[in-house]
Amino acid sequence: MTRLAVSPSMDTVWNDVVRLLRKAPNSADRVVAASPGNPLRADMQETILSAADTDNICAAIAFARGVRTHPPRIMDTTACAFFATVTPEVWTALPAETQRAWRDDVPEEDSSLTYTT
């Protein structure tokens, strides 16, 4: 649905994506990975960030956006969500060993998401 939503003139599909995120916040990694380079709509970002206290994937997104100061447990799903949304400011502020830890947990099939400097 996200790939459809980012297509021109498909704005109404975003409402369905947000509705699904509210029911299944753990799918946020797939949503942000399918829309790299596209800023998240305010309602989608709010939905994801509101689940950051209960969902590791949403917590990774909040950390990547600089909203949270402590990262969640680094694992393949959180690493994908992190790299799909990390800002250059957050990335460059991380120590080299932390950058390496995030990179190490990205599955090979998602390695195109990794942010490099």
PDB file of N, CA and C in Angstrom:
ATOM      1  N   MET A   1       0.822  -1.189   0.000  1.00  0.00           N
ATOM      2  CA  MET A   1       0.000   0.000   0.000  1.00  0.00           C
ATOM      3  C   MET A   1       0.869   1.257   0.000  1.00  0.00           C
ATOM      4  N   THR A   2       1.991   1.221   0.712  1.00  0.00           N
ATOM      5  CA  THR A   2       2.844   2.395   0.768  1.00  0.00           C
ATOM      6  C   THR A   2       3.401   2.732  -0.603  1.00  0.00           C
ATOM      7  N   ARG A   3       3.828   1.720  -1.338  1.00  0.00           N
ATOM      8  CA  ARG A   3       4.347   1.985  -2.684  1.00  0.00           C
ATOM      9  C   ARG A   3       3.282   2.632  -3.563  1.00  0.00           C
ATOM     10  N   LEU A   4       2.055   2.235  -3.388  1.00  0.00           N
ATOM     11  CA  LEU A   4       0.953   2.857  -4.117  1.00  0.00           C
ATOM     12  C   LEU A   4       0.733   4.286  -3.624  1.00  0.00           C
ATOM     13  N   ALA A   5       0.806   4.479  -2.322  1.00  0.00           N
ATOM     14  CA  ALA A   5       0.543   5.801  -1.737  1.00  0.00           C
ATOM     15  C   ALA A   5       1.551   6.848  -2.187  1.00  0.00           C
ATOM     16  N   VAL A   6       2.810   6.464  -2.395  1.00  0.00           N
ATOM     17  CA  VAL A   6       3.813   7.448  -2.793  1.00  0.00           C
ATOM     18  C   VAL A   6       3.713   7.808  -4.273  1.00  0.00           C
ATOM     19  N   SER A   7       2.896   7.092  -5.015  1.00  0.00           N
ATOM     20  CA  SER A   7       2.692   7.411  -6.423  1.00  0.00           C
ATOM     21  C   SER A   7       1.930   8.726  -6.543  1.00  0.00           C
ATOM     22  N   PRO A   8       2.201   9.461  -7.615  1.00  0.00           N
ATOM     23  CA  PRO A   8       1.469  10.718  -7.815  1.00  0.00           C
ATOM     24  C   PRO A   8      -0.041  10.492  -7.819  1.00  0.00           C
ATOM     25  N   SER A   9      -0.747  11.425  -7.277  1.00  0.00           N
ATOM     26  CA  SER A   9      -2.216  11.456  -7.200  1.00  0.00           C
ATOM     27  C   SER A   9      -2.829  10.264  -6.458  1.00  0.00           C
ATOM     28  N   MET A  10      -2.103   9.708  -5.501  1.00  0.00           N
ATOM     29  CA  MET A  10      -2.636   8.599  -4.699  1.00  0.00           C
ATOM     30  C   MET A  10      -2.678   8.966  -3.217  1.00  0.00           C
ATOM     31  N   ASP A  11      -2.850  10.239  -2.915  1.00  0.00           N
ATOM     32  CA  ASP A  11      -2.839  10.702  -1.528  1.00  0.00           C
ATOM     33  C   ASP A  11      -3.867  10.016  -0.643  1.00  0.00           C
ATOM     34  N   THR A  12      -5.000   9.642  -1.182  1.00  0.00           N
ATOM     35  CA  THR A  12      -6.047   9.030  -0.359  1.00  0.00           C
ATOM     36  C   THR A  12      -5.619   7.682   0.208  1.00  0.00           C
ATOM     37  N   VAL A  13      -4.666   7.013  -0.428  1.00  0.00           N
ATOM     38  CA  VAL A  13      -4.199   5.709   0.059  1.00  0.00           C
ATOM     39  C   VAL A  13      -3.469   5.879   1.391  1.00  0.00           C
ATOM     40  N   TRP A  14      -2.858   7.060   1.623  1.00  0.00           N
ATOM     41  CA  TRP A  14      -2.160   7.287   2.891  1.00  0.00           C
ATOM     42  C   TRP A  14      -3.083   7.078   4.089  1.00  0.00           C
ATOM     43  N   ASN A  15      -4.343   7.442   3.958  1.00  0.00           N
ATOM     44  CA  ASN A  15      -5.291   7.249   5.068  1.00  0.00           C
ATOM     45  C   ASN A  15      -5.389   5.775   5.433  1.00  0.00           C
ATOM     46  N   ASP A  16      -5.376   4.905   4.433  1.00  0.00           N
ATOM     47  CA  ASP A  16      -5.422   3.463   4.692  1.00  0.00           C
ATOM     48  C   ASP A  16      -4.124   2.993   5.355  1.00  0.00           C
ATOM     49  N   VAL A  17      -2.997   3.534   4.914  1.00  0.00           N
ATOM     50  CA  VAL A  17      -1.712   3.172   5.513  1.00  0.00           C
ATOM     51  C   VAL A  17      -1.693   3.576   6.989  1.00  0.00           C
ATOM     52  N   VAL A  18      -2.143   4.778   7.292  1.00  0.00           N
ATOM     53  CA  VAL A  18      -2.183   5.238   8.691  1.00  0.00           C
ATOM     54  C   VAL A  18      -3.115   4.357   9.514  1.00  0.00           C
ATOM     55  N   ARG A  19      -4.261   4.010   8.964  1.00  0.00           N
ATOM     56  CA  ARG A  19      -5.217   3.139   9.683  1.00  0.00           C
ATOM     57  C   ARG A  19      -4.571   1.782   9.991  1.00  0.00           C
ATOM     58  N   LEU A  20      -3.834   1.233   9.038  1.00  0.00           N
ATOM     59  CA  LEU A  20      -3.154  -0.042   9.267  1.00  0.00           C
ATOM     60  C   LEU A  20      -2.047   0.097  10.305  1.00  0.00           C
ATOM     61  N   LEU A  21      -1.315   1.208  10.264  1.00  0.00           N
ATOM     62  CA  LEU A  21      -0.261   1.418  11.264  1.00  0.00           C
ATOM     63  C   LEU A  21      -0.819   1.493  12.673  1.00  0.00           C
ATOM     64  N   ARG A  22      -1.987   2.072  12.815  1.00  0.00           N
ATOM     65  CA  ARG A  22      -2.604   2.150  14.147  1.00  0.00           C
ATOM     66  C   ARG A  22      -2.920   0.760  14.688  1.00  0.00           C
ATOM     67  N   LYS A  23      -3.276  -0.155  13.808  1.00  0.00           N
ATOM     68  CA  LYS A  23      -3.591  -1.522  14.214  1.00  0.00           C
ATOM     69  C   LYS A  23      -2.337  -2.375  14.365  1.00  0.00           C
ATOM     70  N   ALA A  24      -1.323  -2.096  13.543  1.00  0.00           N
ATOM     71  CA  ALA A  24      -0.111  -2.922  13.533  1.00  0.00           C
ATOM     72  C   ALA A  24       1.131  -2.033  13.428  1.00  0.00           C
ATOM     73  N   PRO A  25       1.500  -1.359  14.529  1.00  0.00           N
ATOM     74  CA  PRO A  25       2.657  -0.464  14.472  1.00  0.00           C
ATOM     75  C   PRO A  25       3.958  -1.175  14.115  1.00  0.00           C
ATOM     76  N   ASN A  26       4.023  -2.476  14.355  1.00  0.00           N
ATOM     77  CA  ASN A  26       5.240  -3.222  14.021  1.00  0.00           C
ATOM     78  C   ASN A  26       5.465  -3.345  12.516  1.00  0.00           C
ATOM     79  N   SER A  27       4.527  -2.869  11.713  1.00  0.00           N
ATOM     80  CA  SER A  27       4.737  -2.843  10.258  1.00  0.00           C
ATOM     81  C   SER A  27       5.343  -1.525   9.795  1.00  0.00           C
ATOM     82  N   ALA A  28       5.678  -0.657  10.726  1.00  0.00           N
ATOM     83  CA  ALA A  28       6.239   0.652  10.378  1.00  0.00           C
ATOM     84  C   ALA A  28       7.555   0.533   9.615  1.00  0.00           C
ATOM     85  N   ASP A  29       8.342  -0.505   9.888  1.00  0.00           N
ATOM     86  CA  ASP A  29       9.603  -0.660   9.158  1.00  0.00           C
ATOM     87  C   ASP A  29       9.353  -0.849   7.671  1.00  0.00           C
ATOM     88  N   ARG A  30       8.334  -1.622   7.334  1.00  0.00           N
ATOM     89  CA  ARG A  30       8.021  -1.841   5.920  1.00  0.00           C
ATOM     90  C   ARG A  30       7.459  -0.579   5.276  1.00  0.00           C
ATOM     91  N   VAL A  31       6.699   0.189   6.041  1.00  0.00           N
ATOM     92  CA  VAL A  31       6.137   1.432   5.509  1.00  0.00           C
ATOM     93  C   VAL A  31       7.240   2.438   5.213  1.00  0.00           C
ATOM     94  N   VAL A  32       8.146   2.659   6.160  1.00  0.00           N
ATOM     95  CA  VAL A  32       9.193   3.656   5.926  1.00  0.00           C
ATOM     96  C   VAL A  32      10.208   3.176   4.901  1.00  0.00           C
ATOM     97  N   ALA A  33      10.453   1.872   4.827  1.00  0.00           N
ATOM     98  CA  ALA A  33      11.386   1.356   3.825  1.00  0.00           C
ATOM     99  C   ALA A  33      10.815   1.495   2.414  1.00  0.00           C
ATOM    100  N   ALA A  34       9.510   1.430   2.293  1.00  0.00           N
ATOM    101  CA  ALA A  34       8.875   1.553   0.976  1.00  0.00           C
ATOM    102  C   ALA A  34       8.727   3.001   0.540  1.00  0.00           C
ATOM    103  N   SER A  35       9.029   3.934   1.435  1.00  0.00           N
ATOM    104  CA  SER A  35       8.887   5.346   1.072  1.00  0.00           C
ATOM    105  C   SER A  35      10.145   6.157   1.359  1.00  0.00           C
ATOM    106  N   PRO A  36      11.355   5.615   1.098  1.00  0.00           N
ATOM    107  CA  PRO A  36      12.548   6.414   1.362  1.00  0.00           C
ATOM    108  C   PRO A  36      12.589   7.621   0.441  1.00  0.00           C
ATOM    109  N   GLY A  37      13.116   8.698   0.978  1.00  0.00           N
ATOM    110  CA  GLY A  37      13.189   9.925   0.210  1.00  0.00           C
ATOM    111  C   GLY A  37      11.890  10.709   0.216  1.00  0.00           C
ATOM    112  N   ASN A  38      10.848  10.114   0.737  1.00  0.00           N
ATOM    113  CA  ASN A  38       9.567  10.805   0.848  1.00  0.00           C
ATOM    114  C   ASN A  38       9.321  11.118   2.308  1.00  0.00           C
ATOM    115  N   PRO A  39       9.156  12.382   2.645  1.00  0.00           N
ATOM    116  CA  PRO A  39       8.887  12.684   4.051  1.00  0.00           C
ATOM    117  C   PRO A  39       7.569  12.056   4.491  1.00  0.00           C
ATOM    118  N   LEU A  40       7.555  11.568   5.699  1.00  0.00           N
ATOM    119  CA  LEU A  40       6.336  10.965   6.219  1.00  0.00           C
ATOM    120  C   LEU A  40       5.299  12.043   6.465  1.00  0.00           C
ATOM    121  N   ARG A  41       4.088  11.738   6.118  1.00  0.00           N
ATOM    122  CA  ARG A  41       2.997  12.665   6.424  1.00  0.00           C
ATOM    123  C   ARG A  41       2.911  12.838   7.932  1.00  0.00           C
ATOM    124  N   ALA A  42       2.431  13.994   8.361  1.00  0.00           N
ATOM    125  CA  ALA A  42       2.344  14.308   9.786  1.00  0.00           C
ATOM    126  C   ALA A  42       1.516  13.278  10.543  1.00  0.00           C
ATOM    127  N   ASP A  43       0.388  12.840   9.984  1.00  0.00           N
ATOM    128  CA  ASP A  43      -0.450  11.874  10.698  1.00  0.00           C
ATOM    129  C   ASP A  43       0.224  10.513  10.803  1.00  0.00           C
ATOM    130  N   MET A  44       1.000  10.139   9.783  1.00  0.00           N
ATOM    131  CA  MET A  44       1.717   8.873   9.846  1.00  0.00           C
ATOM    132  C   MET A  44       2.849   8.951  10.868  1.00  0.00           C
ATOM    133  N   GLN A  45       3.582  10.049  10.828  1.00  0.00           N
ATOM    134  CA  GLN A  45       4.670  10.221  11.789  1.00  0.00           C
ATOM    135  C   GLN A  45       4.135  10.234  13.216  1.00  0.00           C
ATOM    136  N   GLU A  46       3.032  10.923  13.440  1.00  0.00           N
ATOM    137  CA  GLU A  46       2.417  10.966  14.772  1.00  0.00           C
ATOM    138  C   GLU A  46       1.999   9.568  15.230  1.00  0.00           C
ATOM    139  N   THR A  47       1.430   8.787  14.332  1.00  0.00           N
ATOM    140  CA  THR A  47       1.010   7.421  14.653  1.00  0.00           C
ATOM    141  C   THR A  47       2.208   6.565  15.047  1.00  0.00           C
ATOM    142  N   ILE A  48       3.277   6.666  14.272  1.00  0.00           N
ATOM    143  CA  ILE A  48       4.485   5.884  14.554  1.00  0.00           C
ATOM    144  C   ILE A  48       5.104   6.315  15.879  1.00  0.00           C
ATOM    145  N   LEU A  49       5.261   7.614  16.073  1.00  0.00           N
ATOM    146  CA  LEU A  49       5.904   8.105  17.291  1.00  0.00           C
ATOM    147  C   LEU A  49       5.068   7.816  18.538  1.00  0.00           C
ATOM    148  N   SER A  50       3.751   7.782  18.396  1.00  0.00           N
ATOM    149  CA  SER A  50       2.907   7.485  19.555  1.00  0.00           C
ATOM    150  C   SER A  50       3.053   6.032  20.009  1.00  0.00           C
ATOM    151  N   ALA A  51       3.548   5.164  19.142  1.00  0.00           N
ATOM    152  CA  ALA A  51       3.747   3.758  19.498  1.00  0.00           C
ATOM    153  C   ALA A  51       5.183   3.464  19.925  1.00  0.00           C
ATOM    154  N   ALA A  52       6.029   4.487  19.995  1.00  0.00           N
ATOM    155  CA  ALA A  52       7.452   4.286  20.298  1.00  0.00           C
ATOM    156  C   ALA A  52       7.701   3.709  21.692  1.00  0.00           C
ATOM    157  N   ASP A  53       6.786   3.907  22.618  1.00  0.00           N
ATOM    158  CA  ASP A  53       6.980   3.355  23.964  1.00  0.00           C
ATOM    159  C   ASP A  53       6.637   1.871  24.052  1.00  0.00           C
ATOM    160  N   THR A  54       5.905   1.366  23.072  1.00  0.00           N
ATOM    161  CA  THR A  54       5.461  -0.027  23.141  1.00  0.00           C
ATOM    162  C   THR A  54       5.949  -0.903  21.993  1.00  0.00           C
ATOM    163  N   ASP A  55       6.574  -0.297  20.995  1.00  0.00           N
ATOM    164  CA  ASP A  55       6.999  -1.060  19.829  1.00  0.00           C
ATOM    165  C   ASP A  55       8.439  -0.691  19.473  1.00  0.00           C
ATOM    166  N   ASN A  56       9.321  -1.687  19.387  1.00  0.00           N
ATOM    167  CA  ASN A  56      10.741  -1.437  19.107  1.00  0.00           C
ATOM    168  C   ASN A  56      10.975  -0.808  17.741  1.00  0.00           C
ATOM    169  N   ILE A  57      10.210  -1.188  16.756  1.00  0.00           N
ATOM    170  CA  ILE A  57      10.376  -0.616  15.417  1.00  0.00           C
ATOM    171  C   ILE A  57      10.043   0.865  15.437  1.00  0.00           C
ATOM    172  N   CYS A  58       8.953   1.215  16.063  1.00  0.00           N
ATOM    173  CA  CYS A  58       8.577   2.627  16.176  1.00  0.00           C
ATOM    174  C   CYS A  58       9.591   3.391  17.030  1.00  0.00           C
ATOM    175  N   ALA A  59      10.139   2.735  18.048  1.00  0.00           N
ATOM    176  CA  ALA A  59      11.178   3.364  18.871  1.00  0.00           C
ATOM    177  C   ALA A  59      12.432   3.640  18.047  1.00  0.00           C
ATOM    178  N   ALA A  60      12.772   2.731  17.130  1.00  0.00           N
ATOM    179  CA  ALA A  60      13.934   2.942  16.258  1.00  0.00           C
ATOM    180  C   ALA A  60      13.719   4.137  15.345  1.00  0.00           C
ATOM    181  N   ILE A  61      12.522   4.292  14.859  1.00  0.00           N
ATOM    182  CA  ILE A  61      12.196   5.434  14.002  1.00  0.00           C
ATOM    183  C   ILE A  61      12.279   6.728  14.805  1.00  0.00           C
ATOM    184  N   ALA A  62      11.743   6.709  16.014  1.00  0.00           N
ATOM    185  CA  ALA A  62      11.814   7.897  16.871  1.00  0.00           C
ATOM    186  C   ALA A  62      13.259   8.254  17.188  1.00  0.00           C
ATOM    187  N   PHE A  63      14.082   7.257  17.444  1.00  0.00           N
ATOM    188  CA  PHE A  63      15.505   7.501  17.703  1.00  0.00           C
ATOM    189  C   PHE A  63      16.185   8.056  16.457  1.00  0.00           C
ATOM    190  N   ALA A  64      15.893   7.496  15.307  1.00  0.00           N
ATOM    191  CA  ALA A  64      16.498   7.939  14.044  1.00  0.00           C
ATOM    192  C   ALA A  64      16.111   9.364  13.691  1.00  0.00           C
ATOM    193  N   ARG A  65      14.949   9.789  14.128  1.00  0.00           N
ATOM    194  CA  ARG A  65      14.479  11.146  13.850  1.00  0.00           C
ATOM    195  C   ARG A  65      14.918  12.134  14.925  1.00  0.00           C
ATOM    196  N   GLY A  66      15.608  11.635  15.967  1.00  0.00           N
ATOM    197  CA  GLY A  66      16.084  12.515  17.027  1.00  0.00           C
ATOM    198  C   GLY A  66      15.038  12.831  18.082  1.00  0.00           C
ATOM    199  N   VAL A  67      13.938  12.090  18.071  1.00  0.00           N
ATOM    200  CA  VAL A  67      12.854  12.316  19.034  1.00  0.00           C
ATOM    201  C   VAL A  67      13.139  11.613  20.354  1.00  0.00           C
ATOM    202  N   ARG A  68      13.833  10.497  20.295  1.00  0.00           N
ATOM    203  CA  ARG A  68      14.226   9.753  21.503  1.00  0.00           C
ATOM    204  C   ARG A  68      15.739   9.793  21.623  1.00  0.00           C
ATOM    205  N   THR A  69      16.227   9.810  22.849  1.00  0.00           N
ATOM    206  CA  THR A  69      17.677   9.890  23.055  1.00  0.00           C
ATOM    207  C   THR A  69      18.333   8.526  23.216  1.00  0.00           C
ATOM    208  N   HIS A  70      17.541   7.502  23.506  1.00  0.00           N
ATOM    209  CA  HIS A  70      18.100   6.162  23.702  1.00  0.00           C
ATOM    210  C   HIS A  70      17.568   5.220  22.623  1.00  0.00           C
ATOM    211  N   PRO A  71      18.472   4.477  21.989  1.00  0.00           N
ATOM    212  CA  PRO A  71      18.020   3.561  20.941  1.00  0.00           C
ATOM    213  C   PRO A  71      17.343   2.330  21.534  1.00  0.00           C
ATOM    214  N   PRO A  72      16.467   1.720  20.754  1.00  0.00           N
ATOM    215  CA  PRO A  72      15.915   0.432  21.175  1.00  0.00           C
ATOM    216  C   PRO A  72      16.967  -0.644  20.924  1.00  0.00           C
ATOM    217  N   ARG A  73      16.639  -1.854  21.265  1.00  0.00           N
ATOM    218  CA  ARG A  73      17.525  -2.980  20.958  1.00  0.00           C
ATOM    219  C   ARG A  73      17.769  -3.024  19.453  1.00  0.00           C
ATOM    220  N   ILE A  74      19.023  -3.132  19.059  1.00  0.00           N
ATOM    221  CA  ILE A  74      19.364  -3.176  17.633  1.00  0.00           C
ATOM    222  C   ILE A  74      19.210  -4.605  17.134  1.00  0.00           C
ATOM    223  N   MET A  75      18.339  -4.768  16.141  1.00  0.00           N
ATOM    224  CA  MET A  75      18.125  -6.060  15.485  1.00  0.00           C
ATOM    225  C   MET A  75      17.726  -5.771  14.045  1.00  0.00           C
ATOM    226  N   ASP A  76      17.529  -6.802  13.242  1.00  0.00           N
ATOM    227  CA  ASP A  76      17.303  -6.560  11.817  1.00  0.00           C
ATOM    228  C   ASP A  76      16.122  -5.641  11.533  1.00  0.00           C
ATOM    229  N   THR A  77      15.002  -5.833  12.180  1.00  0.00           N
ATOM    230  CA  THR A  77      13.834  -4.992  11.904  1.00  0.00           C
ATOM    231  C   THR A  77      14.026  -3.567  12.391  1.00  0.00           C
ATOM    232  N   THR A  78      14.652  -3.386  13.541  1.00  0.00           N
ATOM    233  CA  THR A  78      14.870  -2.023  14.016  1.00  0.00           C
ATOM    234  C   THR A  78      15.932  -1.324  13.173  1.00  0.00           C
ATOM    235  N   ALA A  79      16.923  -2.074  12.698  1.00  0.00           N
ATOM    236  CA  ALA A  79      17.964  -1.479  11.859  1.00  0.00           C
ATOM    237  C   ALA A  79      17.376  -0.999  10.536  1.00  0.00           C
ATOM    238  N   CYS A  80      16.489  -1.767   9.943  1.00  0.00           N
ATOM    239  CA  CYS A  80      15.848  -1.347   8.694  1.00  0.00           C
ATOM    240  C   CYS A  80      15.036  -0.074   8.903  1.00  0.00           C
ATOM    241  N   ALA A  81      14.264  -0.038   9.959  1.00  0.00           N
ATOM    242  CA  ALA A  81      13.461   1.153  10.250  1.00  0.00           C
ATOM    243  C   ALA A  81      14.361   2.352  10.533  1.00  0.00           C
ATOM    244  N   PHE A  82      15.435   2.118  11.272  1.00  0.00           N
ATOM    245  CA  PHE A  82      16.382   3.182  11.585  1.00  0.00           C
ATOM    246  C   PHE A  82      16.969   3.775  10.308  1.00  0.00           C
ATOM    247  N   PHE A  83      17.500   2.940   9.433  1.00  0.00           N
ATOM    248  CA  PHE A  83      18.149   3.443   8.225  1.00  0.00           C
ATOM    249  C   PHE A  83      17.172   4.058   7.228  1.00  0.00           C
ATOM    250  N   ALA A  84      15.943   3.630   7.241  1.00  0.00           N
ATOM    251  CA  ALA A  84      14.962   4.216   6.335  1.00  0.00           C
ATOM    252  C   ALA A  84      14.573   5.627   6.749  1.00  0.00           C
ATOM    253  N   THR A  85      14.865   5.996   8.011  1.00  0.00           N
ATOM    254  CA  THR A  85      14.392   7.290   8.510  1.00  0.00           C
ATOM    255  C   THR A  85      15.454   8.155   9.174  1.00  0.00           C
ATOM    256  N   VAL A  86      16.678   7.662   9.327  1.00  0.00           N
ATOM    257  CA  VAL A  86      17.695   8.410  10.062  1.00  0.00           C
ATOM    258  C   VAL A  86      18.030   9.729   9.352  1.00  0.00           C
ATOM    259  N   THR A  87      18.202  10.759  10.159  1.00  0.00           N
ATOM    260  CA  THR A  87      18.617  12.056   9.624  1.00  0.00           C
ATOM    261  C   THR A  87      20.142  12.125   9.629  1.00  0.00           C
ATOM    262  N   PRO A  88      20.717  12.893   8.737  1.00  0.00           N
ATOM    263  CA  PRO A  88      22.179  13.042   8.743  1.00  0.00           C
ATOM    264  C   PRO A  88      22.704  13.549  10.090  1.00  0.00           C
ATOM    265  N   GLU A  89      21.958  14.417  10.747  1.00  0.00           N
ATOM    266  CA  GLU A  89      22.381  14.955  12.043  1.00  0.00           C
ATOM    267  C   GLU A  89      22.468  13.873  13.110  1.00  0.00           C
ATOM    268  N   VAL A  90      21.475  12.999  13.143  1.00  0.00           N
ATOM    269  CA  VAL A  90      21.481  11.909  14.118  1.00  0.00           C
ATOM    270  C   VAL A  90      22.627  10.954  13.796  1.00  0.00           C
ATOM    271  N   TRP A  91      22.782  10.603  12.525  1.00  0.00           N
ATOM    272  CA  TRP A  91      23.818   9.658  12.126  1.00  0.00           C
ATOM    273  C   TRP A  91      25.210  10.162  12.491  1.00  0.00           C
ATOM    274  N   THR A  92      25.520  11.387  12.139  1.00  0.00           N
ATOM    275  CA  THR A  92      26.870  11.903  12.382  1.00  0.00           C
ATOM    276  C   THR A  92      27.144  12.107  13.866  1.00  0.00           C
ATOM    277  N   ALA A  93      26.120  12.242  14.668  1.00  0.00           N
ATOM    278  CA  ALA A  93      26.313  12.399  16.118  1.00  0.00           C
ATOM    279  C   ALA A  93      26.606  11.066  16.815  1.00  0.00           C
ATOM    280  N   LEU A  94      26.349   9.949  16.139  1.00  0.00           N
ATOM    281  CA  LEU A  94      26.578   8.641  16.748  1.00  0.00           C
ATOM    282  C   LEU A  94      28.061   8.280  16.734  1.00  0.00           C
ATOM    283  N   PRO A  95      28.558   7.671  17.812  1.00  0.00           N
ATOM    284  CA  PRO A  95      29.935   7.178  17.809  1.00  0.00           C
ATOM    285  C   PRO A  95      30.111   6.101  16.727  1.00  0.00           C
ATOM    286  N   ALA A  96      31.321   5.962  16.225  1.00  0.00           N
ATOM    287  CA  ALA A  96      31.617   5.002  15.149  1.00  0.00           C
ATOM    288  C   ALA A  96      31.178   3.586  15.517  1.00  0.00           C
ATOM    289  N   GLU A  97      31.378   3.178  16.763  1.00  0.00           N
ATOM    290  CA  GLU A  97      30.997   1.813  17.150  1.00  0.00           C
ATOM    291  C   GLU A  97      29.479   1.625  17.134  1.00  0.00           C
ATOM    292  N   THR A  98      28.737   2.681  17.431  1.00  0.00           N
ATOM    293  CA  THR A  98      27.277   2.594  17.365  1.00  0.00           C
ATOM    294  C   THR A  98      26.821   2.551  15.915  1.00  0.00           C
ATOM    295  N   GLN A  99      27.443   3.351  15.046  1.00  0.00           N
ATOM    296  CA  GLN A  99      27.134   3.286  13.613  1.00  0.00           C
ATOM    297  C   GLN A  99      27.371   1.872  13.083  1.00  0.00           C
ATOM    298  N   ARG A 100      28.492   1.284  13.473  1.00  0.00           N
ATOM    299  CA  ARG A 100      28.829  -0.073  13.047  1.00  0.00           C
ATOM    300  C   ARG A 100      27.782  -1.079  13.538  1.00  0.00           C
ATOM    301  N   ALA A 101      27.347  -0.916  14.771  1.00  0.00           N
ATOM    302  CA  ALA A 101      26.341  -1.834  15.334  1.00  0.00           C
ATOM    303  C   ALA A 101      25.038  -1.762  14.530  1.00  0.00           C
ATOM    304  N   TRP A 102      24.611  -0.564  14.159  1.00  0.00           N
ATOM    305  CA  TRP A 102      23.399  -0.434  13.348  1.00  0.00           C
ATOM    306  C   TRP A 102      23.601  -1.075  11.989  1.00  0.00           C
ATOM    307  N   ARG A 103      24.739  -0.804  11.342  1.00  0.00           N
ATOM    308  CA  ARG A 103      25.012  -1.385  10.016  1.00  0.00           C
ATOM    309  C   ARG A 103      25.057  -2.907  10.056  1.00  0.00           C
ATOM    310  N   ASP A 104      25.652  -3.444  11.113  1.00  0.00           N
ATOM    311  CA  ASP A 104      25.837  -4.898  11.204  1.00  0.00           C
ATOM    312  C   ASP A 104      24.530  -5.670  11.265  1.00  0.00           C
ATOM    313  N   ASP A 105      23.452  -5.021  11.701  1.00  0.00           N
ATOM    314  CA  ASP A 105      22.191  -5.745  11.848  1.00  0.00           C
ATOM    315  C   ASP A 105      21.224  -5.572  10.691  1.00  0.00           C
ATOM    316  N   VAL A 106      21.627  -4.868   9.661  1.00  0.00           N
ATOM    317  CA  VAL A 106      20.766  -4.736   8.484  1.00  0.00           C
ATOM    318  C   VAL A 106      20.892  -6.012   7.649  1.00  0.00           C
ATOM    319  N   PRO A 107      19.783  -6.680   7.375  1.00  0.00           N
ATOM    320  CA  PRO A 107      19.853  -7.875   6.530  1.00  0.00           C
ATOM    321  C   PRO A 107      20.408  -7.508   5.151  1.00  0.00           C
ATOM    322  N   GLU A 108      21.121  -8.421   4.552  1.00  0.00           N
ATOM    323  CA  GLU A 108      21.756  -8.150   3.259  1.00  0.00           C
ATOM    324  C   GLU A 108      20.756  -7.655   2.217  1.00  0.00           C
ATOM    325  N   GLU A 109      19.565  -8.219   2.197  1.00  0.00           N
ATOM    326  CA  GLU A 109      18.581  -7.806   1.198  1.00  0.00           C
ATOM    327  C   GLU A 109      18.108  -6.366   1.377  1.00  0.00           C
ATOM    328  N   ASP A 110      18.369  -5.784   2.548  1.00  0.00           N
ATOM    329  CA  ASP A 110      17.981  -4.393   2.810  1.00  0.00           C
ATOM    330  C   ASP A 110      19.189  -3.466   2.891  1.00  0.00           C
ATOM    331  N   SER A 111      20.340  -3.939   2.473  1.00  0.00           N
ATOM    332  CA  SER A 111      21.562  -3.138   2.633  1.00  0.00           C
ATOM    333  C   SER A 111      21.528  -1.833   1.849  1.00  0.00           C
ATOM    334  N   SER A 112      20.651  -1.709   0.883  1.00  0.00           N
ATOM    335  CA  SER A 112      20.549  -0.443   0.150  1.00  0.00           C
ATOM    336  C   SER A 112      20.030   0.686   1.028  1.00  0.00           C
ATOM    337  N   LEU A 113      19.457   0.356   2.176  1.00  0.00           N
ATOM    338  CA  LEU A 113      18.948   1.371   3.093  1.00  0.00           C
ATOM    339  C   LEU A 113      20.042   2.040   3.910  1.00  0.00           C
ATOM    340  N   THR A 114      21.197   1.397   4.043  1.00  0.00           N
ATOM    341  CA  THR A 114      22.192   1.905   4.967  1.00  0.00           C
ATOM    342  C   THR A 114      22.733   3.246   4.547  1.00  0.00           C
ATOM    343  N   TYR A 115      22.865   4.078   5.546  1.00  0.00           N
ATOM    344  CA  TYR A 115      23.363   5.442   5.373  1.00  0.00           C
ATOM    345  C   TYR A 115      24.865   5.417   5.549  1.00  0.00           C
ATOM    346  N   THR A 116      25.567   5.916   4.593  1.00  0.00           N
ATOM    347  CA  THR A 116      27.027   5.976   4.719  1.00  0.00           C
ATOM    348  C   THR A 116      27.509   7.395   4.558  1.00  0.00           C
ATOM    349  N   THR A 117      28.604   7.699   5.193  1.00  0.00           N
ATOM    350  CA  THR A 117      29.176   9.039   5.084  1.00  0.00           C
ATOM    351  C   THR A 117      30.457   8.983   4.317  1.00  0.00           C
TER     352      THR A 117
END
